[in-house]
């Protein structure tokens, strides 16, 4: 399977449009446990879509010293490293390389079961987006909360717009037996929303429910992993793993759509994995390197996951509850927050009507 995150960025317009989506195809039952692509479309690397030279290579999260990594990933402020654990336990710990492999093996098995049991779901999604207004040498007018900051032109007030959507996760199988997962929003008429660049009101991002597929067995070969310690997240003790995709692989990729066209780029991140269930409870993802060729500097997502009980199937799933996304281009920066709740089964029914008869409302 080749699974792609799709990010649409209109980097050189006044209204930045950023859309996350995903097209997940795969079968983890084969000898290699690798996903299969559903199409033959080849998306070029973002470093090849312009004549600009790629930026300098920088150490990934897998390579950085732990103190430097904590500066780059604020969520690691409470991490306890292996050295501290050894001193506390009074015994030598498993080598980090072996511990990484052990955690990945358990986590990938849990994710494989979760992925193959995923039903069609529907949820409530609240998307919070900031809107900026600059008032020159004046006091804010009107009502409503927001951030206030001084600028050279006057006072900048950041208000927030919250929109509510119906969010769908559709799990299907291809004729070849491969699993596919699609995520999208629907409007008040239960129709998929317009995700084109012309829809300035649409949310900038979509497709976070199965971000944990980076840790599926068939996709592990596409990234480097590093166990970096343990940390308490809420009331859960977690293992913390850093990962960085290998630039030479062409599997899981962020795909950026800009004025230059579509291009793909690897990412890196940190995952917090529950020590008892081996479910991923939190994840941060970032670009592996900035992309000066398309003037795209940063794309960061912070995802929190929680247990979702589907009583009709006696099934517990692990799905996003809150996602924060931030991005920065050469022209502007942006952010948005997604809140997910009220997950439930989505089922459609069909009935055959006699010729000429219209369905009743």
Foldseek 3Di string as FASTA:
>chain_A
DFKEWEWEFAQPDPQTFTETWMKDKADQPDPLRAGDDPDPDDFAALCPLFPDHFDDADDFLQPDDPVVNCVVPVVCPFFDFLVNVCVVVVHHDDPFVVVFVVLLVLLQVLLVVQQVPDAKKKWKKKKKWKDKDFDAQDDDDDDAQFDWDADPRGIITIGIDIDMWMKIWHWDADPVGMIIITIFTADPVRHGDDSDPVPSPDDRYIHDFSPVCCSHSSNVVQKDKTFTGWGQDPNFIWTKMKIWGDQVDDGYWYWYQYPSGIHTATKIWMFTAGPPNRYTQKIKIWGSAANVSRQWGIKIKIWGWDWDAAPVVRDIHIGTQKMKIWTDGNVGITIMMMGIDDMYHDDDDDDDDPPPDDDDD
